[in-house]
Amino acid sequence: MKIIHQWCDDDQFWLDGNEQSMASARAAGWKTRTVVELDDAPLPDSVRCSLMSLIRDDSYAASFQSLGQYRTALLRAIRENLAR
């Protein structure tokens, strides 16, 4: 697991830095976030199969108003299946 500290002033380009530089950016009014990068691990077959079914289902994809909502739903499906 790798922790990445980032800040941004214009919502377009996020800059990486350490905790001290992120604290300075936050004090200057920049947006900040902490991202956790997990090691790649293979998905269990059950999760992979259910995710592939969702991706293949055009009516499921068309039910969302934006690509962001669709992507969020796919990520949620992965998380929920991993939690089972």
PDB file of N, CA and C in Angstrom:
ATOM      1  N   MET A   1       0.845  -1.166   0.000  1.00  0.00           N
ATOM      2  CA  MET A   1       0.000   0.000   0.000  1.00  0.00           C
ATOM      3  C   MET A   1       0.897   1.239   0.000  1.00  0.00           C
ATOM      4  N   LYS A   2       0.554   2.192  -0.848  1.00  0.00           N
ATOM      5  CA  LYS A   2       1.329   3.416  -0.955  1.00  0.00           C
ATOM      6  C   LYS A   2       0.393   4.605  -0.746  1.00  0.00           C
ATOM      7  N   ILE A   3       0.774   5.527   0.125  1.00  0.00           N
ATOM      8  CA  ILE A   3      -0.028   6.721   0.386  1.00  0.00           C
ATOM      9  C   ILE A   3       0.547   7.874  -0.425  1.00  0.00           C
ATOM     10  N   ILE A   4      -0.319   8.548  -1.167  1.00  0.00           N
ATOM     11  CA  ILE A   4       0.095   9.654  -2.024  1.00  0.00           C
ATOM     12  C   ILE A   4      -0.669  10.906  -1.591  1.00  0.00           C
ATOM     13  N   HIS A   5       0.068  11.946  -1.263  1.00  0.00           N
ATOM     14  CA  HIS A   5      -0.545  13.230  -0.902  1.00  0.00           C
ATOM     15  C   HIS A   5      -0.543  14.115  -2.138  1.00  0.00           C
ATOM     16  N   GLN A   6      -1.683  14.772  -2.406  1.00  0.00           N
ATOM     17  CA  GLN A   6      -1.790  15.607  -3.593  1.00  0.00           C
ATOM     18  C   GLN A   6      -2.522  16.901  -3.287  1.00  0.00           C
ATOM     19  N   TRP A   7      -2.247  17.913  -4.111  1.00  0.00           N
ATOM     20  CA  TRP A   7      -2.979  19.166  -4.025  1.00  0.00           C
ATOM     21  C   TRP A   7      -3.198  19.720  -5.423  1.00  0.00           C
ATOM     22  N   CYS A   8      -4.213  20.621  -5.518  1.00  0.00           N
ATOM     23  CA  CYS A   8      -4.599  21.167  -6.817  1.00  0.00           C
ATOM     24  C   CYS A   8      -5.245  22.525  -6.599  1.00  0.00           C
ATOM     25  N   ASP A   9      -5.004  23.469  -7.499  1.00  0.00           N
ATOM     26  CA  ASP A   9      -5.663  24.766  -7.385  1.00  0.00           C
ATOM     27  C   ASP A   9      -6.697  25.004  -8.474  1.00  0.00           C
ATOM     28  N   ASP A  10      -6.754  24.116  -9.481  1.00  0.00           N
ATOM     29  CA  ASP A  10      -7.665  24.371 -10.590  1.00  0.00           C
ATOM     30  C   ASP A  10      -8.458  23.149 -11.045  1.00  0.00           C
ATOM     31  N   ASP A  11      -8.479  22.084 -10.267  1.00  0.00           N
ATOM     32  CA  ASP A  11      -9.209  20.850 -10.587  1.00  0.00           C
ATOM     33  C   ASP A  11      -8.744  20.151 -11.852  1.00  0.00           C
ATOM     34  N   GLN A  12      -7.604  20.505 -12.391  1.00  0.00           N
ATOM     35  CA  GLN A  12      -7.134  19.859 -13.597  1.00  0.00           C
ATOM     36  C   GLN A  12      -5.868  19.056 -13.362  1.00  0.00           C
ATOM     37  N   PHE A  13      -4.921  19.626 -12.670  1.00  0.00           N
ATOM     38  CA  PHE A  13      -3.637  18.963 -12.490  1.00  0.00           C
ATOM     39  C   PHE A  13      -3.351  18.790 -11.008  1.00  0.00           C
ATOM     40  N   TRP A  14      -3.292  17.541 -10.570  1.00  0.00           N
ATOM     41  CA  TRP A  14      -2.977  17.240  -9.187  1.00  0.00           C
ATOM     42  C   TRP A  14      -1.482  17.017  -9.075  1.00  0.00           C
ATOM     43  N   LEU A  15      -0.880  17.631  -8.072  1.00  0.00           N
ATOM     44  CA  LEU A  15       0.559  17.546  -7.839  1.00  0.00           C
ATOM     45  C   LEU A  15       0.822  16.666  -6.621  1.00  0.00           C
ATOM     46  N   ASP A  16       1.805  15.785  -6.727  1.00  0.00           N
ATOM     47  CA  ASP A  16       2.174  14.917  -5.610  1.00  0.00           C
ATOM     48  C   ASP A  16       3.169  15.629  -4.710  1.00  0.00           C
ATOM     49  N   GLY A  17       3.149  15.285  -3.434  1.00  0.00           N
ATOM     50  CA  GLY A  17       4.111  15.846  -2.504  1.00  0.00           C
ATOM     51  C   GLY A  17       4.082  15.108  -1.185  1.00  0.00           C
ATOM     52  N   ASN A  18       4.851  15.597  -0.246  1.00  0.00           N
ATOM     53  CA  ASN A  18       4.881  14.973   1.076  1.00  0.00           C
ATOM     54  C   ASN A  18       3.869  15.670   1.993  1.00  0.00           C
ATOM     55  N   GLU A  19       3.754  15.208   3.234  1.00  0.00           N
ATOM     56  CA  GLU A  19       2.774  15.770   4.162  1.00  0.00           C
ATOM     57  C   GLU A  19       3.024  17.249   4.430  1.00  0.00           C
ATOM     58  N   GLN A  20       4.285  17.647   4.536  1.00  0.00           N
ATOM     59  CA  GLN A  20       4.615  19.042   4.831  1.00  0.00           C
ATOM     60  C   GLN A  20       4.188  19.960   3.681  1.00  0.00           C
ATOM     61  N   SER A  21       4.502  19.558   2.441  1.00  0.00           N
ATOM     62  CA  SER A  21       4.121  20.396   1.304  1.00  0.00           C
ATOM     63  C   SER A  21       2.609  20.424   1.134  1.00  0.00           C
ATOM     64  N   MET A  22       1.923  19.331   1.489  1.00  0.00           N
ATOM     65  CA  MET A  22       0.471  19.321   1.405  1.00  0.00           C
ATOM     66  C   MET A  22      -0.129  20.252   2.450  1.00  0.00           C
ATOM     67  N   ALA A  23       0.444  20.287   3.642  1.00  0.00           N
ATOM     68  CA  ALA A  23      -0.040  21.203   4.679  1.00  0.00           C
ATOM     69  C   ALA A  23       0.128  22.650   4.237  1.00  0.00           C
ATOM     70  N   SER A  24       1.234  22.965   3.572  1.00  0.00           N
ATOM     71  CA  SER A  24       1.456  24.317   3.061  1.00  0.00           C
ATOM     72  C   SER A  24       0.446  24.660   1.973  1.00  0.00           C
ATOM     73  N   ALA A  25       0.174  23.702   1.092  1.00  0.00           N
ATOM     74  CA  ALA A  25      -0.803  23.915   0.027  1.00  0.00           C
ATOM     75  C   ALA A  25      -2.195  24.133   0.614  1.00  0.00           C
ATOM     76  N   ARG A  26      -2.539  23.359   1.629  1.00  0.00           N
ATOM     77  CA  ARG A  26      -3.846  23.514   2.285  1.00  0.00           C
ATOM     78  C   ARG A  26      -3.956  24.892   2.930  1.00  0.00           C
ATOM     79  N   ALA A  27      -2.887  25.335   3.576  1.00  0.00           N
ATOM     80  CA  ALA A  27      -2.892  26.667   4.214  1.00  0.00           C
ATOM     81  C   ALA A  27      -3.032  27.781   3.182  1.00  0.00           C
ATOM     82  N   ALA A  28      -2.556  27.533   1.955  1.00  0.00           N
ATOM     83  CA  ALA A  28      -2.655  28.524   0.885  1.00  0.00           C
ATOM     84  C   ALA A  28      -4.007  28.475   0.178  1.00  0.00           C
ATOM     85  N   GLY A  29      -4.887  27.576   0.602  1.00  0.00           N
ATOM     86  CA  GLY A  29      -6.222  27.497   0.036  1.00  0.00           C
ATOM     87  C   GLY A  29      -6.382  26.540  -1.130  1.00  0.00           C
ATOM     88  N   TRP A  30      -5.377  25.735  -1.410  1.00  0.00           N
ATOM     89  CA  TRP A  30      -5.474  24.771  -2.504  1.00  0.00           C
ATOM     90  C   TRP A  30      -6.293  23.566  -2.036  1.00  0.00           C
ATOM     91  N   LYS A  31      -6.918  22.881  -2.969  1.00  0.00           N
ATOM     92  CA  LYS A  31      -7.621  21.645  -2.656  1.00  0.00           C
ATOM     93  C   LYS A  31      -6.577  20.563  -2.415  1.00  0.00           C
ATOM     94  N   THR A  32      -6.850  19.713  -1.443  1.00  0.00           N
ATOM     95  CA  THR A  32      -5.913  18.635  -1.132  1.00  0.00           C
ATOM     96  C   THR A  32      -6.659  17.310  -1.044  1.00  0.00           C
ATOM     97  N   ARG A  33      -5.919  16.237  -1.248  1.00  0.00           N
ATOM     98  CA  ARG A  33      -6.480  14.902  -1.086  1.00  0.00           C
ATOM     99  C   ARG A  33      -5.344  13.941  -0.776  1.00  0.00           C
ATOM    100  N   THR A  34      -5.711  12.842  -0.149  1.00  0.00           N
ATOM    101  CA  THR A  34      -4.770  11.765   0.102  1.00  0.00           C
ATOM    102  C   THR A  34      -5.286  10.535  -0.616  1.00  0.00           C
ATOM    103  N   VAL A  35      -4.466   9.964  -1.458  1.00  0.00           N
ATOM    104  CA  VAL A  35      -4.835   8.809  -2.262  1.00  0.00           C
ATOM    105  C   VAL A  35      -4.064   7.603  -1.749  1.00  0.00           C
ATOM    106  N   VAL A  36      -4.744   6.486  -1.657  1.00  0.00           N
ATOM    107  CA  VAL A  36      -4.090   5.241  -1.248  1.00  0.00           C
ATOM    108  C   VAL A  36      -4.024   4.344  -2.468  1.00  0.00           C
ATOM    109  N   GLU A  37      -2.828   3.960  -2.840  1.00  0.00           N
ATOM    110  CA  GLU A  37      -2.626   3.070  -3.980  1.00  0.00           C
ATOM    111  C   GLU A  37      -2.392   1.665  -3.441  1.00  0.00           C
ATOM    112  N   LEU A  38      -3.280   0.754  -3.802  1.00  0.00           N
ATOM    113  CA  LEU A  38      -3.179  -0.618  -3.323  1.00  0.00           C
ATOM    114  C   LEU A  38      -2.417  -1.454  -4.327  1.00  0.00           C
ATOM    115  N   ASP A  39      -1.771  -2.474  -3.827  1.00  0.00           N
ATOM    116  CA  ASP A  39      -1.081  -3.417  -4.702  1.00  0.00           C
ATOM    117  C   ASP A  39      -2.109  -4.114  -5.583  1.00  0.00           C
ATOM    118  N   ASP A  40      -1.746  -4.368  -6.816  1.00  0.00           N
ATOM    119  CA  ASP A  40      -2.642  -5.087  -7.713  1.00  0.00           C
ATOM    120  C   ASP A  40      -2.842  -6.507  -7.216  1.00  0.00           C
ATOM    121  N   ALA A  41      -4.097  -6.908  -7.227  1.00  0.00           N
ATOM    122  CA  ALA A  41      -4.422  -8.274  -6.842  1.00  0.00           C
ATOM    123  C   ALA A  41      -5.468  -8.785  -7.825  1.00  0.00           C
ATOM    124  N   PRO A  42      -5.393 -10.033  -8.193  1.00  0.00           N
ATOM    125  CA  PRO A  42      -6.384 -10.555  -9.131  1.00  0.00           C
ATOM    126  C   PRO A  42      -7.775 -10.572  -8.501  1.00  0.00           C
ATOM    127  N   LEU A  43      -8.779 -10.294  -9.325  1.00  0.00           N
ATOM    128  CA  LEU A  43     -10.154 -10.361  -8.841  1.00  0.00           C
ATOM    129  C   LEU A  43     -10.588 -11.819  -8.753  1.00  0.00           C
ATOM    130  N   PRO A  44     -11.345 -12.168  -7.727  1.00  0.00           N
ATOM    131  CA  PRO A  44     -11.900 -13.515  -7.670  1.00  0.00           C
ATOM    132  C   PRO A  44     -12.800 -13.747  -8.894  1.00  0.00           C
ATOM    133  N   ASP A  45     -12.922 -14.991  -9.326  1.00  0.00           N
ATOM    134  CA  ASP A  45     -13.720 -15.307 -10.508  1.00  0.00           C
ATOM    135  C   ASP A  45     -15.152 -14.805 -10.403  1.00  0.00           C
ATOM    136  N   SER A  46     -15.766 -14.910  -9.225  1.00  0.00           N
ATOM    137  CA  SER A  46     -17.156 -14.472  -9.065  1.00  0.00           C
ATOM    138  C   SER A  46     -17.289 -12.966  -9.309  1.00  0.00           C
ATOM    139  N   VAL A  47     -16.332 -12.195  -8.822  1.00  0.00           N
ATOM    140  CA  VAL A  47     -16.356 -10.745  -9.014  1.00  0.00           C
ATOM    141  C   VAL A  47     -16.107 -10.415 -10.478  1.00  0.00           C
ATOM    142  N   ARG A  48     -15.135 -11.070 -11.076  1.00  0.00           N
ATOM    143  CA  ARG A  48     -14.813 -10.821 -12.485  1.00  0.00           C
ATOM    144  C   ARG A  48     -16.012 -11.125 -13.375  1.00  0.00           C
ATOM    145  N   CYS A  49     -16.700 -12.236 -13.123  1.00  0.00           N
ATOM    146  CA  CYS A  49     -17.853 -12.634 -13.938  1.00  0.00           C
ATOM    147  C   CYS A  49     -19.016 -11.652 -13.778  1.00  0.00           C
ATOM    148  N   SER A  50     -19.297 -11.236 -12.542  1.00  0.00           N
ATOM    149  CA  SER A  50     -20.409 -10.304 -12.350  1.00  0.00           C
ATOM    150  C   SER A  50     -20.079  -8.937 -12.945  1.00  0.00           C
ATOM    151  N   LEU A  51     -18.826  -8.523 -12.854  1.00  0.00           N
ATOM    152  CA  LEU A  51     -18.422  -7.250 -13.452  1.00  0.00           C
ATOM    153  C   LEU A  51     -18.523  -7.313 -14.974  1.00  0.00           C
ATOM    154  N   MET A  52     -18.095  -8.407 -15.560  1.00  0.00           N
ATOM    155  CA  MET A  52     -18.201  -8.559 -17.019  1.00  0.00           C
ATOM    156  C   MET A  52     -19.657  -8.541 -17.461  1.00  0.00           C
ATOM    157  N   SER A  53     -20.548  -9.128 -16.672  1.00  0.00           N
ATOM    158  CA  SER A  53     -21.979  -9.110 -17.001  1.00  0.00           C
ATOM    159  C   SER A  53     -22.523  -7.686 -16.991  1.00  0.00           C
ATOM    160  N   LEU A  54     -22.122  -6.904 -15.990  1.00  0.00           N
ATOM    161  CA  LEU A  54     -22.562  -5.512 -15.929  1.00  0.00           C
ATOM    162  C   LEU A  54     -22.037  -4.710 -17.118  1.00  0.00           C
ATOM    163  N   ILE A  55     -20.797  -4.911 -17.481  1.00  0.00           N
ATOM    164  CA  ILE A  55     -20.193  -4.172 -18.587  1.00  0.00           C
ATOM    165  C   ILE A  55     -20.861  -4.539 -19.918  1.00  0.00           C
ATOM    166  N   ARG A  56     -21.231  -5.807 -20.077  1.00  0.00           N
ATOM    167  CA  ARG A  56     -21.873  -6.250 -21.327  1.00  0.00           C
ATOM    168  C   ARG A  56     -23.314  -5.763 -21.464  1.00  0.00           C
ATOM    169  N   ASP A  57     -23.950  -5.410 -20.358  1.00  0.00           N
ATOM    170  CA  ASP A  57     -25.369  -5.043 -20.345  1.00  0.00           C
ATOM    171  C   ASP A  57     -25.542  -3.579 -20.774  1.00  0.00           C
ATOM    172  N   ASP A  58     -25.895  -3.379 -22.054  1.00  0.00           N
ATOM    173  CA  ASP A  58     -26.063  -2.016 -22.584  1.00  0.00           C
ATOM    174  C   ASP A  58     -27.165  -1.250 -21.870  1.00  0.00           C
ATOM    175  N   SER A  59     -28.243  -1.923 -21.501  1.00  0.00           N
ATOM    176  CA  SER A  59     -29.342  -1.215 -20.835  1.00  0.00           C
ATOM    177  C   SER A  59     -28.913  -0.726 -19.451  1.00  0.00           C
ATOM    178  N   TYR A  60     -28.041  -1.481 -18.790  1.00  0.00           N
ATOM    179  CA  TYR A  60     -27.503  -1.039 -17.494  1.00  0.00           C
ATOM    180  C   TYR A  60     -26.670   0.225 -17.690  1.00  0.00           C
ATOM    181  N   ALA A  61     -25.782   0.215 -18.672  1.00  0.00           N
ATOM    182  CA  ALA A  61     -24.932   1.383 -18.936  1.00  0.00           C
ATOM    183  C   ALA A  61     -25.773   2.595 -19.322  1.00  0.00           C
ATOM    184  N   ALA A  62     -26.815   2.374 -20.134  1.00  0.00           N
ATOM    185  CA  ALA A  62     -27.653   3.483 -20.599  1.00  0.00           C
ATOM    186  C   ALA A  62     -28.527   4.069 -19.494  1.00  0.00           C
ATOM    187  N   SER A  63     -28.656   3.366 -18.371  1.00  0.00           N
ATOM    188  CA  SER A  63     -29.510   3.853 -17.287  1.00  0.00           C
ATOM    189  C   SER A  63     -28.859   4.979 -16.470  1.00  0.00           C
ATOM    190  N   PHE A  64     -27.595   5.280 -16.750  1.00  0.00           N
ATOM    191  CA  PHE A  64     -26.889   6.325 -16.013  1.00  0.00           C
ATOM    192  C   PHE A  64     -26.875   7.624 -16.807  1.00  0.00           C
ATOM    193  N   GLN A  65     -26.885   8.747 -16.104  1.00  0.00           N
ATOM    194  CA  GLN A  65     -26.891  10.049 -16.761  1.00  0.00           C
ATOM    195  C   GLN A  65     -25.504  10.503 -17.172  1.00  0.00           C
ATOM    196  N   SER A  66     -24.471   9.911 -16.582  1.00  0.00           N
ATOM    197  CA  SER A  66     -23.101  10.323 -16.922  1.00  0.00           C
ATOM    198  C   SER A  66     -22.156   9.129 -16.821  1.00  0.00           C
ATOM    199  N   LEU A  67     -21.042   9.282 -17.481  1.00  0.00           N
ATOM    200  CA  LEU A  67     -20.004   8.253 -17.410  1.00  0.00           C
ATOM    201  C   LEU A  67     -19.492   8.121 -15.980  1.00  0.00           C
ATOM    202  N   GLY A  68     -19.416   9.226 -15.262  1.00  0.00           N
ATOM    203  CA  GLY A  68     -18.959   9.199 -13.873  1.00  0.00           C
ATOM    204  C   GLY A  68     -19.866   8.355 -12.993  1.00  0.00           C
ATOM    205  N   GLN A  69     -21.188   8.472 -13.184  1.00  0.00           N
ATOM    206  CA  GLN A  69     -22.125   7.660 -12.409  1.00  0.00           C
ATOM    207  C   GLN A  69     -21.966   6.180 -12.745  1.00  0.00           C
ATOM    208  N   TYR A  70     -21.788   5.880 -14.022  1.00  0.00           N
ATOM    209  CA  TYR A  70     -21.597   4.502 -14.466  1.00  0.00           C
ATOM    210  C   TYR A  70     -20.326   3.917 -13.863  1.00  0.00           C
ATOM    211  N   ARG A  71     -19.238   4.677 -13.926  1.00  0.00           N
ATOM    212  CA  ARG A  71     -17.962   4.217 -13.382  1.00  0.00           C
ATOM    213  C   ARG A  71     -18.071   3.989 -11.872  1.00  0.00           C
ATOM    214  N   THR A  72     -18.739   4.902 -11.174  1.00  0.00           N
ATOM    215  CA  THR A  72     -18.919   4.765  -9.732  1.00  0.00           C
ATOM    216  C   THR A  72     -19.705   3.500  -9.400  1.00  0.00           C
ATOM    217  N   ALA A  73     -20.744   3.208 -10.195  1.00  0.00           N
ATOM    218  CA  ALA A  73     -21.547   2.008  -9.965  1.00  0.00           C
ATOM    219  C   ALA A  73     -20.714   0.749 -10.196  1.00  0.00           C
ATOM    220  N   LEU A  74     -19.866   0.746 -11.229  1.00  0.00           N
ATOM    221  CA  LEU A  74     -19.015  -0.416 -11.474  1.00  0.00           C
ATOM    222  C   LEU A  74     -18.022  -0.611 -10.332  1.00  0.00           C
ATOM    223  N   LEU A  75     -17.433   0.472  -9.855  1.00  0.00           N
ATOM    224  CA  LEU A  75     -16.496   0.372  -8.735  1.00  0.00           C
ATOM    225  C   LEU A  75     -17.203  -0.126  -7.475  1.00  0.00           C
ATOM    226  N   ARG A  76     -18.417   0.364  -7.243  1.00  0.00           N
ATOM    227  CA  ARG A  76     -19.195  -0.082  -6.087  1.00  0.00           C
ATOM    228  C   ARG A  76     -19.484  -1.587  -6.203  1.00  0.00           C
ATOM    229  N   ALA A  77     -19.816  -2.038  -7.404  1.00  0.00           N
ATOM    230  CA  ALA A  77     -20.083  -3.469  -7.605  1.00  0.00           C
ATOM    231  C   ALA A  77     -18.852  -4.301  -7.267  1.00  0.00           C
ATOM    232  N   ILE A  78     -17.691  -3.821  -7.639  1.00  0.00           N
ATOM    233  CA  ILE A  78     -16.455  -4.533  -7.311  1.00  0.00           C
ATOM    234  C   ILE A  78     -16.263  -4.585  -5.796  1.00  0.00           C
ATOM    235  N   ARG A  79     -16.411  -3.437  -5.132  1.00  0.00           N
ATOM    236  CA  ARG A  79     -16.227  -3.381  -3.682  1.00  0.00           C
ATOM    237  C   ARG A  79     -17.216  -4.288  -2.956  1.00  0.00           C
ATOM    238  N   GLU A  80     -18.476  -4.239  -3.356  1.00  0.00           N
ATOM    239  CA  GLU A  80     -19.505  -5.023  -2.669  1.00  0.00           C
ATOM    240  C   GLU A  80     -19.277  -6.516  -2.862  1.00  0.00           C
ATOM    241  N   ASN A  81     -18.869  -6.923  -4.054  1.00  0.00           N
ATOM    242  CA  ASN A  81     -18.607  -8.344  -4.276  1.00  0.00           C
ATOM    243  C   ASN A  81     -17.368  -8.804  -3.533  1.00  0.00           C
ATOM    244  N   LEU A  82     -16.385  -7.929  -3.378  1.00  0.00           N
ATOM    245  CA  LEU A  82     -15.182  -8.306  -2.629  1.00  0.00           C
ATOM    246  C   LEU A  82     -15.491  -8.415  -1.146  1.00  0.00           C
ATOM    247  N   ALA A  83     -16.482  -7.648  -0.680  1.00  0.00           N
ATOM    248  CA  ALA A  83     -16.824  -7.653   0.740  1.00  0.00           C
ATOM    249  C   ALA A  83     -17.631  -8.882   1.135  1.00  0.00           C
ATOM    250  N   ARG A  84     -18.221  -9.562   0.171  1.00  0.00           N
ATOM    251  CA  ARG A  84     -19.057 -10.739   0.480  1.00  0.00           C
ATOM    252  C   ARG A  84     -18.240 -11.917   0.916  1.00  0.00           C
TER     253      ARG A  84
END
